[in-house]
Amino acid sequence: MNITKEKIGDFIVLTLNGRVDTNNFHELEQAIGQIFEAGENKIVLNCCGLNYISSSGLRIFLTALKQANVRKGTLHLCCMQPAIKDIFNISGFSTIFQIFDTQEKALE
């Protein structure tokens, strides 16, 4: 997995490429944790290059949402591939997260 980080307006955008699974979910967990530790509380996870997510990855997304809520922030997801969107629909996560078709909409 490759994670790129960029500040756009009030948001920190993490663009995810590759897989989030049991072998590397710690990288995403650490990247999100560093954002919160730096005092930021608005995150967009751009999933344009995310082609697989395991239950471990889903747990990181859920934990990040809870942390954002505790900090009175936001966690937006965007640009999901159809297979990833299906996983979120089947798991019920699509009703928990704010998911946007484009990064621009997620930043509004």
PDB file of N, CA and C in Angstrom:
ATOM      1  N   MET A   1       0.843  -1.173   0.000  1.00  0.00           N
ATOM      2  CA  MET A   1       0.000   0.000   0.000  1.00  0.00           C
ATOM      3  C   MET A   1       0.890   1.239   0.000  1.00  0.00           C
ATOM      4  N   ASN A   2       0.428   2.229  -0.729  1.00  0.00           N
ATOM      5  CA  ASN A   2       1.099   3.519  -0.772  1.00  0.00           C
ATOM      6  C   ASN A   2       0.109   4.574  -0.299  1.00  0.00           C
ATOM      7  N   ILE A   3       0.553   5.437   0.615  1.00  0.00           N
ATOM      8  CA  ILE A   3      -0.293   6.500   1.153  1.00  0.00           C
ATOM      9  C   ILE A   3       0.389   7.829   0.871  1.00  0.00           C
ATOM     10  N   THR A   4      -0.335   8.730   0.223  1.00  0.00           N
ATOM     11  CA  THR A   4       0.182  10.086   0.045  1.00  0.00           C
ATOM     12  C   THR A   4      -0.677  11.033   0.869  1.00  0.00           C
ATOM     13  N   LYS A   5      -0.030  12.057   1.424  1.00  0.00           N
ATOM     14  CA  LYS A   5      -0.688  12.992   2.330  1.00  0.00           C
ATOM     15  C   LYS A   5      -0.588  14.400   1.765  1.00  0.00           C
ATOM     16  N   GLU A   6      -1.691  15.128   1.842  1.00  0.00           N
ATOM     17  CA  GLU A   6      -1.728  16.480   1.296  1.00  0.00           C
ATOM     18  C   GLU A   6      -2.728  17.302   2.110  1.00  0.00           C
ATOM     19  N   LYS A   7      -2.380  18.547   2.395  1.00  0.00           N
ATOM     20  CA  LYS A   7      -3.308  19.452   3.089  1.00  0.00           C
ATOM     21  C   LYS A   7      -4.014  20.296   2.036  1.00  0.00           C
ATOM     22  N   ILE A   8      -5.349  20.252   2.063  1.00  0.00           N
ATOM     23  CA  ILE A   8      -6.162  21.054   1.153  1.00  0.00           C
ATOM     24  C   ILE A   8      -7.203  21.767   2.004  1.00  0.00           C
ATOM     25  N   GLY A   9      -7.065  23.070   2.117  1.00  0.00           N
ATOM     26  CA  GLY A   9      -7.973  23.837   2.967  1.00  0.00           C
ATOM     27  C   GLY A   9      -7.862  23.368   4.398  1.00  0.00           C
ATOM     28  N   ASP A  10      -9.004  23.044   5.002  1.00  0.00           N
ATOM     29  CA  ASP A  10      -9.028  22.571   6.398  1.00  0.00           C
ATOM     30  C   ASP A  10      -8.803  21.066   6.520  1.00  0.00           C
ATOM     31  N   PHE A  11      -8.720  20.384   5.388  1.00  0.00           N
ATOM     32  CA  PHE A  11      -8.649  18.925   5.396  1.00  0.00           C
ATOM     33  C   PHE A  11      -7.238  18.405   5.143  1.00  0.00           C
ATOM     34  N   ILE A  12      -6.957  17.263   5.733  1.00  0.00           N
ATOM     35  CA  ILE A  12      -5.797  16.461   5.363  1.00  0.00           C
ATOM     36  C   ILE A  12      -6.338  15.343   4.485  1.00  0.00           C
ATOM     37  N   VAL A  13      -5.804  15.228   3.280  1.00  0.00           N
ATOM     38  CA  VAL A  13      -6.250  14.198   2.342  1.00  0.00           C
ATOM     39  C   VAL A  13      -5.191  13.097   2.299  1.00  0.00           C
ATOM     40  N   LEU A  14      -5.618  11.891   2.609  1.00  0.00           N
ATOM     41  CA  LEU A  14      -4.767  10.714   2.448  1.00  0.00           C
ATOM     42  C   LEU A  14      -5.279   9.959   1.232  1.00  0.00           C
ATOM     43  N   THR A  15      -4.419   9.812   0.233  1.00  0.00           N
ATOM     44  CA  THR A  15      -4.782   9.054  -0.959  1.00  0.00           C
ATOM     45  C   THR A  15      -4.194   7.655  -0.819  1.00  0.00           C
ATOM     46  N   LEU A  16      -5.061   6.661  -0.905  1.00  0.00           N
ATOM     47  CA  LEU A  16      -4.677   5.264  -0.689  1.00  0.00           C
ATOM     48  C   LEU A  16      -4.558   4.547  -2.026  1.00  0.00           C
ATOM     49  N   ASN A  17      -3.446   3.837  -2.187  1.00  0.00           N
ATOM     50  CA  ASN A  17      -3.227   3.038  -3.393  1.00  0.00           C
ATOM     51  C   ASN A  17      -2.787   1.641  -2.990  1.00  0.00           C
ATOM     52  N   GLY A  18      -3.441   0.648  -3.572  1.00  0.00           N
ATOM     53  CA  GLY A  18      -3.076  -0.735  -3.294  1.00  0.00           C
ATOM     54  C   GLY A  18      -4.081  -1.411  -2.379  1.00  0.00           C
ATOM     55  N   ARG A  19      -3.561  -2.207  -1.455  1.00  0.00           N
ATOM     56  CA  ARG A  19      -4.382  -3.026  -0.571  1.00  0.00           C
ATOM     57  C   ARG A  19      -4.232  -2.575   0.873  1.00  0.00           C
ATOM     58  N   VAL A  20      -5.328  -2.650   1.627  1.00  0.00           N
ATOM     59  CA  VAL A  20      -5.259  -2.491   3.079  1.00  0.00           C
ATOM     60  C   VAL A  20      -5.680  -3.839   3.649  1.00  0.00           C
ATOM     61  N   ASP A  21      -4.709  -4.550   4.197  1.00  0.00           N
ATOM     62  CA  ASP A  21      -4.985  -5.889   4.706  1.00  0.00           C
ATOM     63  C   ASP A  21      -4.204  -6.142   5.990  1.00  0.00           C
ATOM     64  N   THR A  22      -4.198  -7.383   6.443  1.00  0.00           N
ATOM     65  CA  THR A  22      -3.552  -7.711   7.716  1.00  0.00           C
ATOM     66  C   THR A  22      -2.045  -7.479   7.694  1.00  0.00           C
ATOM     67  N   ASN A  23      -1.458  -7.441   6.523  1.00  0.00           N
ATOM     68  CA  ASN A  23      -0.016  -7.234   6.432  1.00  0.00           C
ATOM     69  C   ASN A  23       0.396  -5.773   6.562  1.00  0.00           C
ATOM     70  N   ASN A  24      -0.521  -4.839   6.264  1.00  0.00           N
ATOM     71  CA  ASN A  24      -0.088  -3.442   6.234  1.00  0.00           C
ATOM     72  C   ASN A  24      -1.064  -2.446   6.850  1.00  0.00           C
ATOM     73  N   PHE A  25      -2.125  -2.906   7.497  1.00  0.00           N
ATOM     74  CA  PHE A  25      -3.100  -1.967   8.041  1.00  0.00           C
ATOM     75  C   PHE A  25      -2.481  -1.027   9.062  1.00  0.00           C
ATOM     76  N   HIS A  26      -1.363  -1.454   9.690  1.00  0.00           N
ATOM     77  CA  HIS A  26      -0.690  -0.603  10.677  1.00  0.00           C
ATOM     78  C   HIS A  26      -0.184   0.696  10.052  1.00  0.00           C
ATOM     79  N   GLU A  27       0.192   0.653   8.773  1.00  0.00           N
ATOM     80  CA  GLU A  27       0.666   1.867   8.095  1.00  0.00           C
ATOM     81  C   GLU A  27      -0.436   2.921   8.033  1.00  0.00           C
ATOM     82  N   LEU A  28      -1.643   2.493   7.692  1.00  0.00           N
ATOM     83  CA  LEU A  28      -2.768   3.417   7.629  1.00  0.00           C
ATOM     84  C   LEU A  28      -3.142   3.897   9.028  1.00  0.00           C
ATOM     85  N   GLU A  29      -3.150   3.000   9.972  1.00  0.00           N
ATOM     86  CA  GLU A  29      -3.455   3.354  11.357  1.00  0.00           C
ATOM     87  C   GLU A  29      -2.479   4.408  11.870  1.00  0.00           C
ATOM     88  N   GLN A  30      -1.207   4.230  11.566  1.00  0.00           N
ATOM     89  CA  GLN A  30      -0.172   5.172  11.996  1.00  0.00           C
ATOM     90  C   GLN A  30      -0.340   6.529  11.307  1.00  0.00           C
ATOM     91  N   ALA A  31      -0.614   6.522  10.005  1.00  0.00           N
ATOM     92  CA  ALA A  31      -0.775   7.771   9.255  1.00  0.00           C
ATOM     93  C   ALA A  31      -1.950   8.580   9.801  1.00  0.00           C
ATOM     94  N   ILE A  32      -3.053   7.920  10.087  1.00  0.00           N
ATOM     95  CA  ILE A  32      -4.224   8.610  10.633  1.00  0.00           C
ATOM     96  C   ILE A  32      -3.934   9.102  12.050  1.00  0.00           C
ATOM     97  N   GLY A  33      -3.286   8.268  12.845  1.00  0.00           N
ATOM     98  CA  GLY A  33      -2.932   8.652  14.218  1.00  0.00           C
ATOM     99  C   GLY A  33      -2.051   9.892  14.259  1.00  0.00           C
ATOM    100  N   GLN A  34      -1.102   9.988  13.343  1.00  0.00           N
ATOM    101  CA  GLN A  34      -0.221  11.160  13.286  1.00  0.00           C
ATOM    102  C   GLN A  34      -0.998  12.432  12.963  1.00  0.00           C
ATOM    103  N   ILE A  35      -2.003  12.316  12.132  1.00  0.00           N
ATOM    104  CA  ILE A  35      -2.829  13.481  11.791  1.00  0.00           C
ATOM    105  C   ILE A  35      -3.561  13.983  13.035  1.00  0.00           C
ATOM    106  N   PHE A  36      -4.172  13.069  13.766  1.00  0.00           N
ATOM    107  CA  PHE A  36      -4.890  13.461  14.973  1.00  0.00           C
ATOM    108  C   PHE A  36      -3.932  14.003  16.035  1.00  0.00           C
ATOM    109  N   GLU A  37      -2.769  13.382  16.182  1.00  0.00           N
ATOM    110  CA  GLU A  37      -1.776  13.843  17.152  1.00  0.00           C
ATOM    111  C   GLU A  37      -1.285  15.250  16.825  1.00  0.00           C
ATOM    112  N   ALA A  38      -1.292  15.610  15.544  1.00  0.00           N
ATOM    113  CA  ALA A  38      -0.866  16.943  15.120  1.00  0.00           C
ATOM    114  C   ALA A  38      -1.957  17.989  15.342  1.00  0.00           C
ATOM    115  N   GLY A  39      -3.104  17.562  15.866  1.00  0.00           N
ATOM    116  CA  GLY A  39      -4.179  18.496  16.156  1.00  0.00           C
ATOM    117  C   GLY A  39      -5.174  18.701  15.031  1.00  0.00           C
ATOM    118  N   GLU A  40      -4.998  17.988  13.943  1.00  0.00           N
ATOM    119  CA  GLU A  40      -5.951  18.066  12.822  1.00  0.00           C
ATOM    120  C   GLU A  40      -7.139  17.170  13.142  1.00  0.00           C
ATOM    121  N   ASN A  41      -8.323  17.550  12.651  1.00  0.00           N
ATOM    122  CA  ASN A  41      -9.490  16.708  12.913  1.00  0.00           C
ATOM    123  C   ASN A  41     -10.412  16.553  11.709  1.00  0.00           C
ATOM    124  N   LYS A  42      -9.952  16.993  10.537  1.00  0.00           N
ATOM    125  CA  LYS A  42     -10.744  16.836   9.311  1.00  0.00           C
ATOM    126  C   LYS A  42      -9.913  16.057   8.300  1.00  0.00           C
ATOM    127  N   ILE A  43     -10.388  14.861   7.985  1.00  0.00           N
ATOM    128  CA  ILE A  43      -9.637  13.961   7.110  1.00  0.00           C
ATOM    129  C   ILE A  43     -10.518  13.498   5.959  1.00  0.00           C
ATOM    130  N   VAL A  44      -9.908  13.438   4.777  1.00  0.00           N
ATOM    131  CA  VAL A  44     -10.531  12.794   3.625  1.00  0.00           C
ATOM    132  C   VAL A  44      -9.652  11.603   3.266  1.00  0.00           C
ATOM    133  N   LEU A  45     -10.256  10.435   3.173  1.00  0.00           N
ATOM    134  CA  LEU A  45      -9.555   9.257   2.672  1.00  0.00           C
ATOM    135  C   LEU A  45      -9.977   9.076   1.223  1.00  0.00           C
ATOM    136  N   ASN A  46      -9.063   9.393   0.318  1.00  0.00           N
ATOM    137  CA  ASN A  46      -9.321   9.233  -1.113  1.00  0.00           C
ATOM    138  C   ASN A  46      -8.956   7.797  -1.472  1.00  0.00           C
ATOM    139  N   CYS A  47      -9.958   7.025  -1.844  1.00  0.00           N
ATOM    140  CA  CYS A  47      -9.790   5.588  -2.091  1.00  0.00           C
ATOM    141  C   CYS A  47      -9.663   5.256  -3.571  1.00  0.00           C
ATOM    142  N   CYS A  48      -9.253   6.235  -4.392  1.00  0.00           N
ATOM    143  CA  CYS A  48      -9.213   6.036  -5.843  1.00  0.00           C
ATOM    144  C   CYS A  48      -8.340   4.856  -6.256  1.00  0.00           C
ATOM    145  N   GLY A  49      -7.264   4.608  -5.538  1.00  0.00           N
ATOM    146  CA  GLY A  49      -6.370   3.524  -5.897  1.00  0.00           C
ATOM    147  C   GLY A  49      -6.476   2.316  -4.990  1.00  0.00           C
ATOM    148  N   LEU A  50      -7.441   2.339  -4.082  1.00  0.00           N
ATOM    149  CA  LEU A  50      -7.635   1.221  -3.160  1.00  0.00           C
ATOM    150  C   LEU A  50      -8.343   0.099  -3.906  1.00  0.00           C
ATOM    151  N   ASN A  51      -7.669  -1.054  -4.027  1.00  0.00           N
ATOM    152  CA  ASN A  51      -8.273  -2.146  -4.782  1.00  0.00           C
ATOM    153  C   ASN A  51      -8.647  -3.357  -3.928  1.00  0.00           C
ATOM    154  N   TYR A  52      -8.341  -3.298  -2.617  1.00  0.00           N
ATOM    155  CA  TYR A  52      -8.730  -4.384  -1.708  1.00  0.00           C
ATOM    156  C   TYR A  52      -8.702  -3.849  -0.289  1.00  0.00           C
ATOM    157  N   ILE A  53      -9.694  -4.257   0.504  1.00  0.00           N
ATOM    158  CA  ILE A  53      -9.690  -3.925   1.927  1.00  0.00           C
ATOM    159  C   ILE A  53     -10.182  -5.141   2.704  1.00  0.00           C
ATOM    160  N   SER A  54      -9.423  -5.522   3.713  1.00  0.00           N
ATOM    161  CA  SER A  54      -9.800  -6.659   4.555  1.00  0.00           C
ATOM    162  C   SER A  54     -10.582  -6.147   5.761  1.00  0.00           C
ATOM    163  N   SER A  55     -11.011  -7.072   6.604  1.00  0.00           N
ATOM    164  CA  SER A  55     -11.717  -6.675   7.826  1.00  0.00           C
ATOM    165  C   SER A  55     -10.814  -5.838   8.726  1.00  0.00           C
ATOM    166  N   SER A  56      -9.514  -6.085   8.688  1.00  0.00           N
ATOM    167  CA  SER A  56      -8.564  -5.270   9.462  1.00  0.00           C
ATOM    168  C   SER A  56      -8.568  -3.834   8.960  1.00  0.00           C
ATOM    169  N   GLY A  57      -8.637  -3.670   7.668  1.00  0.00           N
ATOM    170  CA  GLY A  57      -8.702  -2.330   7.086  1.00  0.00           C
ATOM    171  C   GLY A  57      -9.995  -1.634   7.429  1.00  0.00           C
ATOM    172  N   LEU A  58     -11.107  -2.362   7.370  1.00  0.00           N
ATOM    173  CA  LEU A  58     -12.397  -1.786   7.738  1.00  0.00           C
ATOM    174  C   LEU A  58     -12.378  -1.312   9.192  1.00  0.00           C
ATOM    175  N   ARG A  59     -11.720  -2.073  10.051  1.00  0.00           N
ATOM    176  CA  ARG A  59     -11.618  -1.701  11.461  1.00  0.00           C
ATOM    177  C   ARG A  59     -10.872  -0.380  11.617  1.00  0.00           C
ATOM    178  N   ILE A  60      -9.814  -0.172  10.821  1.00  0.00           N
ATOM    179  CA  ILE A  60      -9.050   1.079  10.886  1.00  0.00           C
ATOM    180  C   ILE A  60      -9.940   2.244  10.459  1.00  0.00           C
ATOM    181  N   PHE A  61     -10.717   2.073   9.408  1.00  0.00           N
ATOM    182  CA  PHE A  61     -11.627   3.127   8.962  1.00  0.00           C
ATOM    183  C   PHE A  61     -12.614   3.471  10.081  1.00  0.00           C
ATOM    184  N   LEU A  62     -13.191   2.448  10.725  1.00  0.00           N
ATOM    185  CA  LEU A  62     -14.165   2.662  11.787  1.00  0.00           C
ATOM    186  C   LEU A  62     -13.535   3.350  12.989  1.00  0.00           C
ATOM    187  N   THR A  63     -12.341   2.925  13.365  1.00  0.00           N
ATOM    188  CA  THR A  63     -11.622   3.553  14.477  1.00  0.00           C
ATOM    189  C   THR A  63     -11.327   5.012  14.170  1.00  0.00           C
ATOM    190  N   ALA A  64     -10.928   5.295  12.943  1.00  0.00           N
ATOM    191  CA  ALA A  64     -10.644   6.676  12.534  1.00  0.00           C
ATOM    192  C   ALA A  64     -11.901   7.536  12.617  1.00  0.00           C
ATOM    193  N   LEU A  65     -13.043   6.988  12.223  1.00  0.00           N
ATOM    194  CA  LEU A  65     -14.300   7.731  12.309  1.00  0.00           C
ATOM    195  C   LEU A  65     -14.633   8.042  13.766  1.00  0.00           C
ATOM    196  N   LYS A  66     -14.454   7.073  14.643  1.00  0.00           N
ATOM    197  CA  LYS A  66     -14.723   7.291  16.065  1.00  0.00           C
ATOM    198  C   LYS A  66     -13.797   8.361  16.632  1.00  0.00           C
ATOM    199  N   GLN A  67     -12.514   8.319  16.248  1.00  0.00           N
ATOM    200  CA  GLN A  67     -11.559   9.324  16.719  1.00  0.00           C
ATOM    201  C   GLN A  67     -11.933  10.713  16.209  1.00  0.00           C
ATOM    202  N   ALA A  68     -12.360  10.803  14.971  1.00  0.00           N
ATOM    203  CA  ALA A  68     -12.775  12.089  14.410  1.00  0.00           C
ATOM    204  C   ALA A  68     -13.988  12.624  15.164  1.00  0.00           C
ATOM    205  N   ASN A  69     -14.931  11.762  15.457  1.00  0.00           N
ATOM    206  CA  ASN A  69     -16.132  12.188  16.189  1.00  0.00           C
ATOM    207  C   ASN A  69     -15.792  12.684  17.591  1.00  0.00           C
ATOM    208  N   VAL A  70     -14.891  11.987  18.272  1.00  0.00           N
ATOM    209  CA  VAL A  70     -14.466  12.403  19.612  1.00  0.00           C
ATOM    210  C   VAL A  70     -13.829  13.788  19.562  1.00  0.00           C
ATOM    211  N   ARG A  71     -13.098  14.068  18.487  1.00  0.00           N
ATOM    212  CA  ARG A  71     -12.418  15.355  18.325  1.00  0.00           C
ATOM    213  C   ARG A  71     -13.302  16.397  17.643  1.00  0.00           C
ATOM    214  N   LYS A  72     -14.584  16.081  17.491  1.00  0.00           N
ATOM    215  CA  LYS A  72     -15.548  16.959  16.815  1.00  0.00           C
ATOM    216  C   LYS A  72     -15.080  17.334  15.406  1.00  0.00           C
ATOM    217  N   GLY A  73     -14.505  16.340  14.739  1.00  0.00           N
ATOM    218  CA  GLY A  73     -14.020  16.519  13.380  1.00  0.00           C
ATOM    219  C   GLY A  73     -14.856  15.733  12.389  1.00  0.00           C
ATOM    220  N   THR A  74     -14.272  15.511  11.225  1.00  0.00           N
ATOM    221  CA  THR A  74     -14.967  14.772  10.181  1.00  0.00           C
ATOM    222  C   THR A  74     -14.014  13.792   9.510  1.00  0.00           C
ATOM    223  N   LEU A  75     -14.590  12.718   9.024  1.00  0.00           N
ATOM    224  CA  LEU A  75     -13.861  11.757   8.202  1.00  0.00           C
ATOM    225  C   LEU A  75     -14.733  11.490   6.989  1.00  0.00           C
ATOM    226  N   HIS A  76     -14.260  11.915   5.833  1.00  0.00           N
ATOM    227  CA  HIS A  76     -14.978  11.690   4.588  1.00  0.00           C
ATOM    228  C   HIS A  76     -14.209  10.684   3.741  1.00  0.00           C
ATOM    229  N   LEU A  77     -14.937   9.857   3.027  1.00  0.00           N
ATOM    230  CA  LEU A  77     -14.348   8.901   2.094  1.00  0.00           C
ATOM    231  C   LEU A  77     -14.774   9.312   0.689  1.00  0.00           C
ATOM    232  N   CYS A  78     -13.892   9.083  -0.277  1.00  0.00           N
ATOM    233  CA  CYS A  78     -14.263   9.433  -1.650  1.00  0.00           C
ATOM    234  C   CYS A  78     -13.575   8.533  -2.659  1.00  0.00           C
ATOM    235  N   CYS A  79     -14.112   8.596  -3.870  1.00  0.00           N
ATOM    236  CA  CYS A  79     -13.510   7.969  -5.058  1.00  0.00           C
ATOM    237  C   CYS A  79     -13.335   6.461  -4.926  1.00  0.00           C
ATOM    238  N   MET A  80     -14.335   5.782  -4.390  1.00  0.00           N
ATOM    239  CA  MET A  80     -14.233   4.332  -4.202  1.00  0.00           C
ATOM    240  C   MET A  80     -14.430   3.580  -5.506  1.00  0.00           C
ATOM    241  N   GLN A  81     -13.604   2.569  -5.700  1.00  0.00           N
ATOM    242  CA  GLN A  81     -13.788   1.639  -6.800  1.00  0.00           C
ATOM    243  C   GLN A  81     -15.070   0.838  -6.536  1.00  0.00           C
ATOM    244  N   PRO A  82     -15.747   0.354  -7.577  1.00  0.00           N
ATOM    245  CA  PRO A  82     -16.996  -0.393  -7.372  1.00  0.00           C
ATOM    246  C   PRO A  82     -16.867  -1.572  -6.403  1.00  0.00           C
ATOM    247  N   ALA A  83     -15.777  -2.322  -6.468  1.00  0.00           N
ATOM    248  CA  ALA A  83     -15.617  -3.480  -5.576  1.00  0.00           C
ATOM    249  C   ALA A  83     -15.504  -3.048  -4.116  1.00  0.00           C
ATOM    250  N   ILE A  84     -14.825  -1.937  -3.867  1.00  0.00           N
ATOM    251  CA  ILE A  84     -14.682  -1.430  -2.496  1.00  0.00           C
ATOM    252  C   ILE A  84     -16.026  -0.889  -2.013  1.00  0.00           C
ATOM    253  N   LYS A  85     -16.731  -0.195  -2.883  1.00  0.00           N
ATOM    254  CA  LYS A  85     -18.057   0.325  -2.531  1.00  0.00           C
ATOM    255  C   LYS A  85     -18.999  -0.831  -2.188  1.00  0.00           C
ATOM    256  N   ASP A  86     -18.898  -1.936  -2.921  1.00  0.00           N
ATOM    257  CA  ASP A  86     -19.712  -3.122  -2.629  1.00  0.00           C
ATOM    258  C   ASP A  86     -19.427  -3.655  -1.232  1.00  0.00           C
ATOM    259  N   ILE A  87     -18.156  -3.700  -0.852  1.00  0.00           N
ATOM    260  CA  ILE A  87     -17.774  -4.175   0.487  1.00  0.00           C
ATOM    261  C   ILE A  87     -18.399  -3.277   1.551  1.00  0.00           C
ATOM    262  N   PHE A  88     -18.343  -1.966   1.332  1.00  0.00           N
ATOM    263  CA  PHE A  88     -18.940  -1.037   2.286  1.00  0.00           C
ATOM    264  C   PHE A  88     -20.459  -1.202   2.343  1.00  0.00           C
ATOM    265  N   ASN A  89     -21.096  -1.454   1.206  1.00  0.00           N
ATOM    266  CA  ASN A  89     -22.548  -1.672   1.195  1.00  0.00           C
ATOM    267  C   ASN A  89     -22.926  -2.958   1.916  1.00  0.00           C
ATOM    268  N   ILE A  90     -22.217  -4.044   1.619  1.00  0.00           N
ATOM    269  CA  ILE A  90     -22.521  -5.345   2.218  1.00  0.00           C
ATOM    270  C   ILE A  90     -22.296  -5.328   3.729  1.00  0.00           C
ATOM    271  N   SER A  91     -21.236  -4.650   4.167  1.00  0.00           N
ATOM    272  CA  SER A  91     -20.909  -4.601   5.596  1.00  0.00           C
ATOM    273  C   SER A  91     -21.783  -3.613   6.367  1.00  0.00           C
ATOM    274  N   GLY A  92     -22.521  -2.784   5.642  1.00  0.00           N
ATOM    275  CA  GLY A  92     -23.328  -1.763   6.292  1.00  0.00           C
ATOM    276  C   GLY A  92     -22.564  -0.484   6.585  1.00  0.00           C
ATOM    277  N   PHE A  93     -21.294  -0.450   6.233  1.00  0.00           N
ATOM    278  CA  PHE A  93     -20.468   0.724   6.511  1.00  0.00           C
ATOM    279  C   PHE A  93     -20.880   1.929   5.670  1.00  0.00           C
ATOM    280  N   SER A  94     -21.546   1.697   4.557  1.00  0.00           N
ATOM    281  CA  SER A  94     -21.954   2.823   3.712  1.00  0.00           C
ATOM    282  C   SER A  94     -23.006   3.684   4.407  1.00  0.00           C
ATOM    283  N   THR A  95     -23.660   3.145   5.435  1.00  0.00           N
ATOM    284  CA  THR A  95     -24.627   3.934   6.194  1.00  0.00           C
ATOM    285  C   THR A  95     -23.968   4.679   7.344  1.00  0.00           C
ATOM    286  N   ILE A  96     -22.754   4.319   7.679  1.00  0.00           N
ATOM    287  CA  ILE A  96     -22.032   4.930   8.803  1.00  0.00           C
ATOM    288  C   ILE A  96     -21.142   6.079   8.323  1.00  0.00           C
ATOM    289  N   PHE A  97     -20.533   5.909   7.151  1.00  0.00           N
ATOM    290  CA  PHE A  97     -19.566   6.873   6.632  1.00  0.00           C
ATOM    291  C   PHE A  97     -20.205   7.825   5.637  1.00  0.00           C
ATOM    292  N   GLN A  98     -19.620   9.008   5.541  1.00  0.00           N
ATOM    293  CA  GLN A  98     -19.986   9.939   4.484  1.00  0.00           C
ATOM    294  C   GLN A  98     -19.083   9.618   3.296  1.00  0.00           C
ATOM    295  N   ILE A  99     -19.678   9.111   2.217  1.00  0.00           N
ATOM    296  CA  ILE A  99     -18.926   8.680   1.044  1.00  0.00           C
ATOM    297  C   ILE A  99     -19.309   9.563  -0.137  1.00  0.00           C
ATOM    298  N   PHE A 100     -18.308  10.112  -0.799  1.00  0.00           N
ATOM    299  CA  PHE A 100     -18.517  11.031  -1.901  1.00  0.00           C
ATOM    300  C   PHE A 100     -17.922  10.453  -3.181  1.00  0.00           C
ATOM    301  N   ASP A 101     -18.505  10.811  -4.309  1.00  0.00           N
ATOM    302  CA  ASP A 101     -18.015  10.315  -5.589  1.00  0.00           C
ATOM    303  C   ASP A 101     -16.692  10.956  -5.984  1.00  0.00           C
ATOM    304  N   THR A 102     -16.494  12.226  -5.613  1.00  0.00           N
ATOM    305  CA  THR A 102     -15.265  12.928  -5.987  1.00  0.00           C
ATOM    306  C   THR A 102     -14.604  13.548  -4.771  1.00  0.00           C
ATOM    307  N   GLN A 103     -13.322  13.804  -4.887  1.00  0.00           N
ATOM    308  CA  GLN A 103     -12.585  14.455  -3.804  1.00  0.00           C
ATOM    309  C   GLN A 103     -13.103  15.875  -3.605  1.00  0.00           C
ATOM    310  N   GLU A 104     -13.433  16.550  -4.684  1.00  0.00           N
ATOM    311  CA  GLU A 104     -13.921  17.919  -4.584  1.00  0.00           C
ATOM    312  C   GLU A 104     -15.181  17.980  -3.713  1.00  0.00           C
ATOM    313  N   LYS A 105     -16.103  17.033  -3.893  1.00  0.00           N
ATOM    314  CA  LYS A 105     -17.322  17.015  -3.082  1.00  0.00           C
ATOM    315  C   LYS A 105     -17.000  16.687  -1.625  1.00  0.00           C
ATOM    316  N   ALA A 106     -16.033  15.824  -1.405  1.00  0.00           N
ATOM    317  CA  ALA A 106     -15.645  15.460  -0.039  1.00  0.00           C
ATOM    318  C   ALA A 106     -15.038  16.635   0.707  1.00  0.00           C
ATOM    319  N   LEU A 107     -14.437  17.563  -0.030  1.00  0.00           N
ATOM    320  CA  LEU A 107     -13.789  18.723   0.587  1.00  0.00           C
ATOM    321  C   LEU A 107     -14.755  19.873   0.849  1.00  0.00           C
ATOM    322  N   GLU A 108     -15.960  19.790   0.353  1.00  0.00           N
ATOM    323  CA  GLU A 108     -16.928  20.895   0.536  1.00  0.00           C
ATOM    324  C   GLU A 108     -17.427  20.969   1.961  1.00  0.00           C
TER     325      GLU A 108
END
